Amino acid sequence: MLINKKISISYFLNLIKWDVLAITFYASVIGTLDHFSLFKEFSIPLNISALIGTLVSLLLAFRTAQSYERWWEARTVWGAIVNDSRTLIRQLIQFLPPDEKKQTILSEFAVRQSIWCFALADNLRKVSPSPFVAEYLDANNLHDNHLTNQLLTRHAERLGVLANKYNLNAIKQAQIDNTLARLTDSMGKCERIKNTVFPRAYSLLIHFLIYVLMTILPFGLDDNHAILEILMVILVPVLLIAIEKTAIVMQDPFENRPTDTPMTTLSINIERNLLEMVSMPVPQRDSKSGTYYLL
């Protein structure tokens, strides 16, 4: 996806709309009953609400920190992919001796590495390969079965052939192999983040405690101002729900949402850089080819 500098407020509100409606309905009904019925005599010490609020705050702080850590790790990994992709082509430019086939070899590696980046993004989102990726698969007799690993294997196979053909020394071979190893490591880190599910029980516990707080909060507030009491019963749980939802959308950075790691933007930039390095024309990619590919 391409990340938007200004995430729409309506997008975020849409994530919490049902919770907001439920909280508003409850606060309006209970707030009214608390002032004009038998509930007026019912009271729960505000200390109880404060205790539950403290528990929710601690749990939310941990949840938000863990979610941001996952989100930032994903962005760091893709930053490494950008650097290692450039390094791979630069090493080939430097290490391969000049001859009539060098440009063709460099172009082959630059295109394959660009396709690898797009294919990794598609694989992490669990979507079908982009049209130009699918076209490359057909042209090179590759199958959509862990495509990213196949592409790195093709890199290694071709490098083995080139090492024998051009008699590359062991030091140069080791440097290029280290670059491929780092790309493989980055791919594995992305897959780990994608496939490691944040414990569902933790989310349920936080959500349950927020609603418990919402349930008992009206009975601990001052009954002198009905409208103010209703507003407080709405505001406090909604703020906590909003924080929780923020953590939820951040914890999975490869789900094709506006808040995710901008993998398509990064892949387009990588492709542009690599093709320019080997003096190839840069295609104009449609940046809105996906659900949330936003500028």
C-alpha atoms as a PDB file:
ATOM      1  CA  MET A   1       0.000   0.000   0.000  1.00  0.00           C
ATOM      2  CA  LEU A   2       0.926   3.636  -0.311  1.00  0.00           C
ATOM      3  CA  ILE A   3       0.474   5.361   2.966  1.00  0.00           C
ATOM      4  CA  ASN A   4      -1.577   8.542   3.139  1.00  0.00           C
ATOM      5  CA  LYS A   5      -0.047  11.462   5.015  1.00  0.00           C
ATOM      6  CA  LYS A   6      -3.530  12.337   6.291  1.00  0.00           C
ATOM      7  CA  ILE A   7      -5.544   9.314   7.382  1.00  0.00           C
ATOM      8  CA  SER A   8      -9.221  10.105   6.933  1.00  0.00           C
ATOM      9  CA  ILE A   9     -11.108  10.802  10.162  1.00  0.00           C
ATOM     10  CA  SER A  10     -14.113   9.033   8.673  1.00  0.00           C
ATOM     11  CA  TYR A  11     -11.975   5.901   8.176  1.00  0.00           C
ATOM     12  CA  PHE A  12     -11.041   5.830  11.858  1.00  0.00           C
ATOM     13  CA  LEU A  13     -14.569   6.637  13.031  1.00  0.00           C
ATOM     14  CA  ASN A  14     -15.856   3.788  10.899  1.00  0.00           C
ATOM     15  CA  LEU A  15     -13.647   1.415  12.904  1.00  0.00           C
ATOM     16  CA  ILE A  16     -15.240   2.358  16.220  1.00  0.00           C
ATOM     17  CA  LYS A  17     -18.744   3.357  15.143  1.00  0.00           C
ATOM     18  CA  TRP A  18     -20.550   0.342  16.632  1.00  0.00           C
ATOM     19  CA  ASP A  19     -18.787   0.735  19.970  1.00  0.00           C
ATOM     20  CA  VAL A  20     -19.608   4.455  19.986  1.00  0.00           C
ATOM     21  CA  LEU A  21     -23.265   3.742  19.240  1.00  0.00           C
ATOM     22  CA  ALA A  22     -23.475   1.092  21.978  1.00  0.00           C
ATOM     23  CA  ILE A  23     -21.778   3.357  24.531  1.00  0.00           C
ATOM     24  CA  THR A  24     -23.951   6.336  23.610  1.00  0.00           C
ATOM     25  CA  PHE A  25     -27.129   4.285  23.886  1.00  0.00           C
ATOM     26  CA  TYR A  26     -26.126   2.829  27.239  1.00  0.00           C
ATOM     27  CA  ALA A  27     -25.020   6.179  28.671  1.00  0.00           C
ATOM     28  CA  SER A  28     -28.252   7.875  27.576  1.00  0.00           C
ATOM     29  CA  VAL A  29     -30.497   5.177  29.041  1.00  0.00           C
ATOM     30  CA  ILE A  30     -28.614   4.657  32.300  1.00  0.00           C
ATOM     31  CA  GLY A  31     -28.004   8.371  32.752  1.00  0.00           C
ATOM     32  CA  THR A  32     -31.725   9.044  32.443  1.00  0.00           C
ATOM     33  CA  LEU A  33     -32.703   6.198  34.780  1.00  0.00           C
ATOM     34  CA  ASP A  34     -30.056   7.265  37.267  1.00  0.00           C
ATOM     35  CA  HIS A  35     -31.826  10.601  37.680  1.00  0.00           C
ATOM     36  CA  PHE A  36     -35.503   9.765  37.349  1.00  0.00           C
ATOM     37  CA  SER A  37     -36.000   6.230  38.713  1.00  0.00           C
ATOM     38  CA  LEU A  38     -35.021   3.845  41.480  1.00  0.00           C
ATOM     39  CA  PHE A  39     -31.443   3.842  40.103  1.00  0.00           C
ATOM     40  CA  LYS A  40     -31.079   7.254  41.692  1.00  0.00           C
ATOM     41  CA  GLU A  41     -30.585   5.587  45.059  1.00  0.00           C
ATOM     42  CA  PHE A  42     -28.046   3.116  43.688  1.00  0.00           C
ATOM     43  CA  SER A  43     -24.389   4.076  44.087  1.00  0.00           C
ATOM     44  CA  ILE A  44     -20.994   2.491  43.448  1.00  0.00           C
ATOM     45  CA  PRO A  45     -17.908   4.160  44.984  1.00  0.00           C
ATOM     46  CA  LEU A  46     -15.929   6.089  42.400  1.00  0.00           C
ATOM     47  CA  ASN A  47     -12.793   4.376  43.701  1.00  0.00           C
ATOM     48  CA  ILE A  48     -13.957   1.151  42.036  1.00  0.00           C
ATOM     49  CA  SER A  49     -14.234   2.903  38.674  1.00  0.00           C
ATOM     50  CA  ALA A  50     -10.827   4.470  39.222  1.00  0.00           C
ATOM     51  CA  LEU A  51      -9.301   1.058  39.963  1.00  0.00           C
ATOM     52  CA  ILE A  52     -10.726  -0.496  36.794  1.00  0.00           C
ATOM     53  CA  GLY A  53      -9.700   2.562  34.796  1.00  0.00           C
ATOM     54  CA  THR A  54      -6.141   2.155  36.067  1.00  0.00           C
ATOM     55  CA  LEU A  55      -6.101  -1.522  35.071  1.00  0.00           C
ATOM     56  CA  VAL A  56      -7.377  -0.657  31.590  1.00  0.00           C
ATOM     57  CA  SER A  57      -4.769   2.089  31.231  1.00  0.00           C
ATOM     58  CA  LEU A  58      -1.915  -0.262  32.112  1.00  0.00           C
ATOM     59  CA  LEU A  59      -3.145  -2.946  29.733  1.00  0.00           C
ATOM     60  CA  LEU A  60      -3.645  -0.413  26.937  1.00  0.00           C
ATOM     61  CA  ALA A  61      -0.180   1.029  27.479  1.00  0.00           C
ATOM     62  CA  PHE A  62       1.390  -2.411  27.066  1.00  0.00           C
ATOM     63  CA  ARG A  63      -0.827  -3.237  24.080  1.00  0.00           C
ATOM     64  CA  THR A  64      -0.048   0.018  22.296  1.00  0.00           C
ATOM     65  CA  ALA A  65       3.679  -0.329  22.904  1.00  0.00           C
ATOM     66  CA  GLN A  66       3.724  -3.879  21.536  1.00  0.00           C
ATOM     67  CA  SER A  67       1.659  -2.898  18.494  1.00  0.00           C
ATOM     68  CA  TYR A  68       3.903   0.038  17.681  1.00  0.00           C
ATOM     69  CA  GLU A  69       6.954  -2.196  18.052  1.00  0.00           C
ATOM     70  CA  ARG A  70       5.542  -4.604  15.442  1.00  0.00           C
ATOM     71  CA  TRP A  71       4.636  -1.727  13.119  1.00  0.00           C
ATOM     72  CA  TRP A  72       8.063  -0.106  13.428  1.00  0.00           C
ATOM     73  CA  GLU A  73       9.881  -3.415  12.960  1.00  0.00           C
ATOM     74  CA  ALA A  74       7.978  -3.952   9.717  1.00  0.00           C
ATOM     75  CA  ARG A  75       8.996  -0.520   8.471  1.00  0.00           C
ATOM     76  CA  THR A  76      12.614  -1.130   9.528  1.00  0.00           C
ATOM     77  CA  VAL A  77      12.707  -4.441   7.669  1.00  0.00           C
ATOM     78  CA  TRP A  78      11.444  -2.820   4.486  1.00  0.00           C
ATOM     79  CA  GLY A  79      14.043  -0.096   4.885  1.00  0.00           C
ATOM     80  CA  ALA A  80      16.672  -2.851   4.897  1.00  0.00           C
ATOM     81  CA  ILE A  81      15.109  -4.349   1.754  1.00  0.00           C
ATOM     82  CA  VAL A  82      15.497  -0.988   0.007  1.00  0.00           C
ATOM     83  CA  ASN A  83      19.171  -0.774   0.954  1.00  0.00           C
ATOM     84  CA  ASP A  84      20.027  -4.394   0.159  1.00  0.00           C
ATOM     85  CA  SER A  85      18.286  -4.235  -3.233  1.00  0.00           C
ATOM     86  CA  ARG A  86      20.424  -1.267  -4.212  1.00  0.00           C
ATOM     87  CA  THR A  87      23.527  -2.947  -2.790  1.00  0.00           C
ATOM     88  CA  LEU A  88      22.947  -6.115  -4.829  1.00  0.00           C
ATOM     89  CA  ILE A  89      22.859  -4.258  -8.141  1.00  0.00           C
ATOM     90  CA  ARG A  90      25.758  -2.012  -7.168  1.00  0.00           C
ATOM     91  CA  GLN A  91      27.888  -5.055  -6.339  1.00  0.00           C
ATOM     92  CA  LEU A  92      27.102  -6.615  -9.717  1.00  0.00           C
ATOM     93  CA  ILE A  93      27.976  -3.380 -11.495  1.00  0.00           C
ATOM     94  CA  GLN A  94      31.288  -3.269  -9.662  1.00  0.00           C
ATOM     95  CA  PHE A  95      32.263  -6.941  -9.710  1.00  0.00           C
ATOM     96  CA  LEU A  96      31.303  -8.068 -13.223  1.00  0.00           C
ATOM     97  CA  PRO A  97      33.964  -7.351 -15.825  1.00  0.00           C
ATOM     98  CA  PRO A  98      32.886  -5.195 -18.766  1.00  0.00           C
ATOM     99  CA  ASP A  99      31.809  -7.115 -21.865  1.00  0.00           C
ATOM    100  CA  GLU A 100      28.991  -7.138 -24.392  1.00  0.00           C
ATOM    101  CA  LYS A 101      26.667  -9.161 -22.088  1.00  0.00           C
ATOM    102  CA  LYS A 102      27.116  -7.154 -18.888  1.00  0.00           C
ATOM    103  CA  GLN A 103      24.209  -4.796 -19.587  1.00  0.00           C
ATOM    104  CA  THR A 104      21.876  -7.722 -20.272  1.00  0.00           C
ATOM    105  CA  ILE A 105      22.931  -9.455 -17.047  1.00  0.00           C
ATOM    106  CA  LEU A 106      22.476  -6.306 -14.972  1.00  0.00           C
ATOM    107  CA  SER A 107      19.046  -5.696 -16.504  1.00  0.00           C
ATOM    108  CA  GLU A 108      18.029  -9.266 -15.719  1.00  0.00           C
ATOM    109  CA  PHE A 109      18.977  -8.919 -12.046  1.00  0.00           C
ATOM    110  CA  ALA A 110      17.426  -5.455 -11.686  1.00  0.00           C
ATOM    111  CA  VAL A 111      14.092  -6.601 -13.099  1.00  0.00           C
ATOM    112  CA  ARG A 112      14.081  -9.807 -11.056  1.00  0.00           C
ATOM    113  CA  GLN A 113      14.865  -7.942  -7.837  1.00  0.00           C
ATOM    114  CA  SER A 114      12.110  -5.401  -8.550  1.00  0.00           C
ATOM    115  CA  ILE A 115       9.624  -8.207  -9.160  1.00  0.00           C
ATOM    116  CA  TRP A 116      10.764  -9.814  -5.899  1.00  0.00           C
ATOM    117  CA  CYS A 117       9.808  -6.681  -3.963  1.00  0.00           C
ATOM    118  CA  PHE A 118       6.350  -6.466  -5.554  1.00  0.00           C
ATOM    119  CA  ALA A 119       5.815 -10.211  -5.109  1.00  0.00           C
ATOM    120  CA  LEU A 120       6.777 -10.016  -1.426  1.00  0.00           C
ATOM    121  CA  ALA A 121       4.264  -7.207  -0.891  1.00  0.00           C
ATOM    122  CA  ASP A 122       1.510  -9.217  -2.632  1.00  0.00           C
ATOM    123  CA  ASN A 123       2.379 -12.343  -0.660  1.00  0.00           C
ATOM    124  CA  LEU A 124       2.273 -10.526   2.684  1.00  0.00           C
ATOM    125  CA  ARG A 125      -1.142  -9.080   1.827  1.00  0.00           C
ATOM    126  CA  LYS A 126      -2.400 -12.516   0.725  1.00  0.00           C
ATOM    127  CA  VAL A 127      -3.570 -11.134  -2.622  1.00  0.00           C
ATOM    128  CA  SER A 128      -3.086 -12.373  -6.178  1.00  0.00           C
ATOM    129  CA  PRO A 129       0.132 -11.271  -7.912  1.00  0.00           C
ATOM    130  CA  SER A 130      -0.014  -7.906  -9.638  1.00  0.00           C
ATOM    131  CA  PRO A 131      -0.531  -8.119 -13.426  1.00  0.00           C
ATOM    132  CA  PHE A 132       3.081  -7.327 -14.280  1.00  0.00           C
ATOM    133  CA  VAL A 133       4.273  -9.844 -11.670  1.00  0.00           C
ATOM    134  CA  ALA A 134       2.010 -12.521 -13.161  1.00  0.00           C
ATOM    135  CA  GLU A 135       3.344 -11.657 -16.620  1.00  0.00           C
ATOM    136  CA  TYR A 136       6.900 -12.106 -15.378  1.00  0.00           C
ATOM    137  CA  LEU A 137       5.978 -15.488 -13.860  1.00  0.00           C
ATOM    138  CA  ASP A 138       4.606 -16.752 -17.157  1.00  0.00           C
ATOM    139  CA  ALA A 139       7.563 -15.466 -19.150  1.00  0.00           C
ATOM    140  CA  ASN A 140      10.101 -17.096 -16.818  1.00  0.00           C
ATOM    141  CA  ASN A 141       8.269 -20.347 -16.059  1.00  0.00           C
ATOM    142  CA  LEU A 142       7.814 -19.592 -12.378  1.00  0.00           C
ATOM    143  CA  HIS A 143       4.924 -20.741 -10.216  1.00  0.00           C
ATOM    144  CA  ASP A 144       2.996 -18.795  -7.600  1.00  0.00           C
ATOM    145  CA  ASN A 145       4.216 -21.061  -4.796  1.00  0.00           C
ATOM    146  CA  HIS A 146       6.400 -19.075  -2.428  1.00  0.00           C
ATOM    147  CA  LEU A 147       7.433 -16.972  -5.386  1.00  0.00           C
ATOM    148  CA  THR A 148       9.756 -14.744  -3.387  1.00  0.00           C
ATOM    149  CA  ASN A 149      11.911 -17.687  -2.367  1.00  0.00           C
ATOM    150  CA  GLN A 150      12.003 -18.916  -5.968  1.00  0.00           C
ATOM    151  CA  LEU A 151      13.200 -15.526  -7.193  1.00  0.00           C
ATOM    152  CA  LEU A 152      16.043 -15.413  -4.664  1.00  0.00           C
ATOM    153  CA  THR A 153      16.972 -18.950  -5.719  1.00  0.00           C
ATOM    154  CA  ARG A 154      17.136 -17.762  -9.332  1.00  0.00           C
ATOM    155  CA  HIS A 155      19.444 -14.975  -8.170  1.00  0.00           C
ATOM    156  CA  ALA A 156      21.719 -17.540  -6.524  1.00  0.00           C
ATOM    157  CA  GLU A 157      21.701 -19.884  -9.524  1.00  0.00           C
ATOM    158  CA  ARG A 158      22.610 -17.134 -11.962  1.00  0.00           C
ATOM    159  CA  LEU A 159      25.307 -15.815  -9.633  1.00  0.00           C
ATOM    160  CA  GLY A 160      26.816 -19.297  -9.475  1.00  0.00           C
ATOM    161  CA  VAL A 161      26.976 -19.413 -13.268  1.00  0.00           C
ATOM    162  CA  LEU A 162      28.470 -15.926 -13.457  1.00  0.00           C
ATOM    163  CA  ALA A 163      31.056 -16.729 -10.790  1.00  0.00           C
ATOM    164  CA  ASN A 164      32.329 -19.625 -12.887  1.00  0.00           C
ATOM    165  CA  LYS A 165      32.122 -17.747 -16.157  1.00  0.00           C
ATOM    166  CA  TYR A 166      33.940 -14.634 -14.970  1.00  0.00           C
ATOM    167  CA  ASN A 167      36.100 -16.406 -12.383  1.00  0.00           C
ATOM    168  CA  LEU A 168      34.980 -14.158  -9.541  1.00  0.00           C
ATOM    169  CA  ASN A 169      37.170 -14.483  -6.470  1.00  0.00           C
ATOM    170  CA  ALA A 170      35.842 -15.849  -3.190  1.00  0.00           C
ATOM    171  CA  ILE A 171      35.679 -12.459  -1.497  1.00  0.00           C
ATOM    172  CA  LYS A 172      33.381 -10.990  -4.157  1.00  0.00           C
ATOM    173  CA  GLN A 173      31.195 -14.091  -4.137  1.00  0.00           C
ATOM    174  CA  ALA A 174      30.922 -13.908  -0.338  1.00  0.00           C
ATOM    175  CA  GLN A 175      29.888 -10.251  -0.439  1.00  0.00           C
ATOM    176  CA  ILE A 176      27.102 -10.899  -2.940  1.00  0.00           C
ATOM    177  CA  ASP A 177      26.009 -14.004  -1.018  1.00  0.00           C
ATOM    178  CA  ASN A 178      25.791 -11.942   2.184  1.00  0.00           C
ATOM    179  CA  THR A 179      23.486  -9.490   0.408  1.00  0.00           C
ATOM    180  CA  LEU A 180      21.206 -12.346  -0.692  1.00  0.00           C
ATOM    181  CA  ALA A 181      21.293 -13.731   2.844  1.00  0.00           C
ATOM    182  CA  ARG A 182      20.142 -10.366   4.219  1.00  0.00           C
ATOM    183  CA  LEU A 183      17.280 -10.265   1.696  1.00  0.00           C
ATOM    184  CA  THR A 184      16.277 -13.774   2.774  1.00  0.00           C
ATOM    185  CA  ASP A 185      16.466 -12.697   6.412  1.00  0.00           C
ATOM    186  CA  SER A 186      14.232  -9.684   5.725  1.00  0.00           C
ATOM    187  CA  MET A 187      11.723 -11.904   3.936  1.00  0.00           C
ATOM    188  CA  GLY A 188      11.637 -14.234   6.935  1.00  0.00           C
ATOM    189  CA  LYS A 189      11.145 -11.352   9.365  1.00  0.00           C
ATOM    190  CA  CYS A 190       8.172 -10.086   7.363  1.00  0.00           C
ATOM    191  CA  GLU A 191       6.638 -13.557   7.351  1.00  0.00           C
ATOM    192  CA  ARG A 192       7.172 -13.866  11.102  1.00  0.00           C
ATOM    193  CA  ILE A 193       5.385 -10.573  11.748  1.00  0.00           C
ATOM    194  CA  LYS A 194       2.586 -11.563   9.372  1.00  0.00           C
ATOM    195  CA  ASN A 195       2.052 -15.031  10.845  1.00  0.00           C
ATOM    196  CA  THR A 196       2.463 -14.196  14.546  1.00  0.00           C
ATOM    197  CA  VAL A 197      -1.012 -13.417  15.821  1.00  0.00           C
ATOM    198  CA  PHE A 198      -1.408 -11.098  18.790  1.00  0.00           C
ATOM    199  CA  PRO A 199      -3.184 -13.079  21.584  1.00  0.00           C
ATOM    200  CA  ARG A 200      -6.926 -12.712  21.118  1.00  0.00           C
ATOM    201  CA  ALA A 201      -7.582 -13.204  24.831  1.00  0.00           C
ATOM    202  CA  TYR A 202      -5.648 -10.023  25.581  1.00  0.00           C
ATOM    203  CA  SER A 203      -7.928  -7.972  23.313  1.00  0.00           C
ATOM    204  CA  LEU A 204     -11.037  -9.530  24.788  1.00  0.00           C
ATOM    205  CA  LEU A 205      -9.853  -8.758  28.317  1.00  0.00           C
ATOM    206  CA  ILE A 206      -9.244  -5.077  27.517  1.00  0.00           C
ATOM    207  CA  HIS A 207     -12.567  -4.753  25.725  1.00  0.00           C
ATOM    208  CA  PHE A 208     -14.392  -6.462  28.590  1.00  0.00           C
ATOM    209  CA  LEU A 209     -12.825  -4.169  31.207  1.00  0.00           C
ATOM    210  CA  ILE A 210     -13.697  -1.071  29.174  1.00  0.00           C
ATOM    211  CA  TYR A 211     -17.330  -2.116  29.111  1.00  0.00           C
ATOM    212  CA  VAL A 212     -17.244  -2.951  32.820  1.00  0.00           C
ATOM    213  CA  LEU A 213     -15.927   0.554  33.461  1.00  0.00           C
ATOM    214  CA  MET A 214     -18.667   1.992  31.281  1.00  0.00           C
ATOM    215  CA  THR A 215     -21.292  -0.020  33.186  1.00  0.00           C
ATOM    216  CA  ILE A 216     -20.378   1.117  36.697  1.00  0.00           C
ATOM    217  CA  LEU A 217     -19.136   4.634  35.945  1.00  0.00           C
ATOM    218  CA  PRO A 218     -22.598   6.342  35.967  1.00  0.00           C
ATOM    219  CA  PHE A 219     -23.290   5.084  39.488  1.00  0.00           C
ATOM    220  CA  GLY A 220     -20.193   6.730  40.921  1.00  0.00           C
ATOM    221  CA  LEU A 221     -20.614  10.201  39.408  1.00  0.00           C
ATOM    222  CA  ASP A 222     -22.361  13.180  40.918  1.00  0.00           C
ATOM    223  CA  ASP A 223     -26.088  13.195  40.085  1.00  0.00           C
ATOM    224  CA  ASN A 224     -26.448  16.982  40.032  1.00  0.00           C
ATOM    225  CA  HIS A 225     -25.851  17.418  36.292  1.00  0.00           C
ATOM    226  CA  ALA A 226     -27.516  14.762  34.131  1.00  0.00           C
ATOM    227  CA  ILE A 227     -26.167  15.957  30.761  1.00  0.00           C
ATOM    228  CA  LEU A 228     -22.611  16.228  32.074  1.00  0.00           C
ATOM    229  CA  GLU A 229     -22.827  12.758  33.567  1.00  0.00           C
ATOM    230  CA  ILE A 230     -24.019  11.262  30.279  1.00  0.00           C
ATOM    231  CA  LEU A 231     -21.253  13.018  28.369  1.00  0.00           C
ATOM    232  CA  MET A 232     -18.608  11.724  30.777  1.00  0.00           C
ATOM    233  CA  VAL A 233     -19.937   8.169  30.527  1.00  0.00           C
ATOM    234  CA  ILE A 234     -19.679   8.460  26.734  1.00  0.00           C
ATOM    235  CA  LEU A 235     -16.336  10.248  26.542  1.00  0.00           C
ATOM    236  CA  VAL A 236     -14.197   8.071  28.831  1.00  0.00           C
ATOM    237  CA  PRO A 237     -15.031   4.652  27.285  1.00  0.00           C
ATOM    238  CA  VAL A 238     -14.895   6.064  23.732  1.00  0.00           C
ATOM    239  CA  LEU A 239     -11.390   7.406  24.316  1.00  0.00           C
ATOM    240  CA  LEU A 240     -10.266   4.041  25.675  1.00  0.00           C
ATOM    241  CA  ILE A 241     -11.913   2.209  22.755  1.00  0.00           C
ATOM    242  CA  ALA A 242     -10.172   4.570  20.315  1.00  0.00           C
ATOM    243  CA  ILE A 243      -6.772   3.842  21.863  1.00  0.00           C
ATOM    244  CA  GLU A 244      -7.448   0.119  21.761  1.00  0.00           C
ATOM    245  CA  LYS A 245      -8.538   0.266  18.099  1.00  0.00           C
ATOM    246  CA  THR A 246      -5.409   2.246  17.227  1.00  0.00           C
ATOM    247  CA  ALA A 247      -3.289  -0.508  18.731  1.00  0.00           C
ATOM    248  CA  ILE A 248      -5.258  -3.166  16.841  1.00  0.00           C
ATOM    249  CA  VAL A 249      -4.787  -1.562  13.423  1.00  0.00           C
ATOM    250  CA  MET A 250      -1.072  -1.017  14.098  1.00  0.00           C
ATOM    251  CA  GLN A 251      -0.309  -4.547  15.262  1.00  0.00           C
ATOM    252  CA  ASP A 252      -0.762  -6.053  11.772  1.00  0.00           C
ATOM    253  CA  PRO A 253       1.214  -3.882   9.326  1.00  0.00           C
ATOM    254  CA  PHE A 254       0.645  -6.072   6.242  1.00  0.00           C
ATOM    255  CA  GLU A 255      -3.154  -6.119   5.992  1.00  0.00           C
ATOM    256  CA  ASN A 256      -3.629  -3.688   3.082  1.00  0.00           C
ATOM    257  CA  ARG A 257      -4.947  -0.806   5.164  1.00  0.00           C
ATOM    258  CA  PRO A 258      -4.095   2.920   5.093  1.00  0.00           C
ATOM    259  CA  THR A 259      -2.099   2.577   8.323  1.00  0.00           C
ATOM    260  CA  ASP A 260       0.100  -0.266   7.040  1.00  0.00           C
ATOM    261  CA  THR A 261       3.712  -0.322   5.915  1.00  0.00           C
ATOM    262  CA  PRO A 262       3.839   1.425   2.495  1.00  0.00           C
ATOM    263  CA  MET A 263       5.152  -1.616   0.638  1.00  0.00           C
ATOM    264  CA  THR A 264       3.941  -0.589  -2.812  1.00  0.00           C
ATOM    265  CA  THR A 265       5.471   2.861  -2.531  1.00  0.00           C
ATOM    266  CA  LEU A 266       8.756   1.312  -1.423  1.00  0.00           C
ATOM    267  CA  SER A 267       8.641  -1.301  -4.211  1.00  0.00           C
ATOM    268  CA  ILE A 268       8.021   1.367  -6.853  1.00  0.00           C
ATOM    269  CA  ASN A 269      10.938   3.399  -5.506  1.00  0.00           C
ATOM    270  CA  ILE A 270      13.174   0.323  -5.477  1.00  0.00           C
ATOM    271  CA  GLU A 271      12.237  -0.496  -9.055  1.00  0.00           C
ATOM    272  CA  ARG A 272      12.932   3.061 -10.159  1.00  0.00           C
ATOM    273  CA  ASN A 273      16.313   3.110  -8.420  1.00  0.00           C
ATOM    274  CA  LEU A 274      17.443  -0.256  -9.759  1.00  0.00           C
ATOM    275  CA  LEU A 275      16.397   0.384 -13.344  1.00  0.00           C
ATOM    276  CA  GLU A 276      18.054   3.784 -13.323  1.00  0.00           C
ATOM    277  CA  MET A 277      21.259   2.187 -12.001  1.00  0.00           C
ATOM    278  CA  VAL A 278      21.399  -0.141 -15.024  1.00  0.00           C
ATOM    279  CA  SER A 279      20.206   2.516 -17.502  1.00  0.00           C
ATOM    280  CA  MET A 280      16.821   0.934 -18.233  1.00  0.00           C
ATOM    281  CA  PRO A 281      13.545   2.797 -18.853  1.00  0.00           C
ATOM    282  CA  VAL A 282      11.334   3.061 -15.764  1.00  0.00           C
ATOM    283  CA  PRO A 283       7.705   1.915 -16.257  1.00  0.00           C
ATOM    284  CA  GLN A 284       4.872   4.026 -14.897  1.00  0.00           C
ATOM    285  CA  ARG A 285       3.132   1.917 -12.279  1.00  0.00           C
ATOM    286  CA  ASP A 286      -0.489   2.423 -11.313  1.00  0.00           C
ATOM    287  CA  SER A 287      -0.190   3.308  -7.642  1.00  0.00           C
ATOM    288  CA  LYS A 288      -3.920   2.776  -7.086  1.00  0.00           C
ATOM    289  CA  SER A 289      -4.064  -0.822  -8.268  1.00  0.00           C
ATOM    290  CA  GLY A 290      -4.941  -2.115  -4.802  1.00  0.00           C
ATOM    291  CA  THR A 291      -7.691  -1.611  -2.287  1.00  0.00           C
ATOM    292  CA  TYR A 292      -5.882   0.936  -0.157  1.00  0.00           C
ATOM    293  CA  TYR A 293      -3.077   2.066  -2.434  1.00  0.00           C
ATOM    294  CA  LEU A 294      -3.456   5.708  -1.415  1.00  0.00           C
ATOM    295  CA  LEU A 295      -1.131   8.559  -2.295  1.00  0.00           C
END
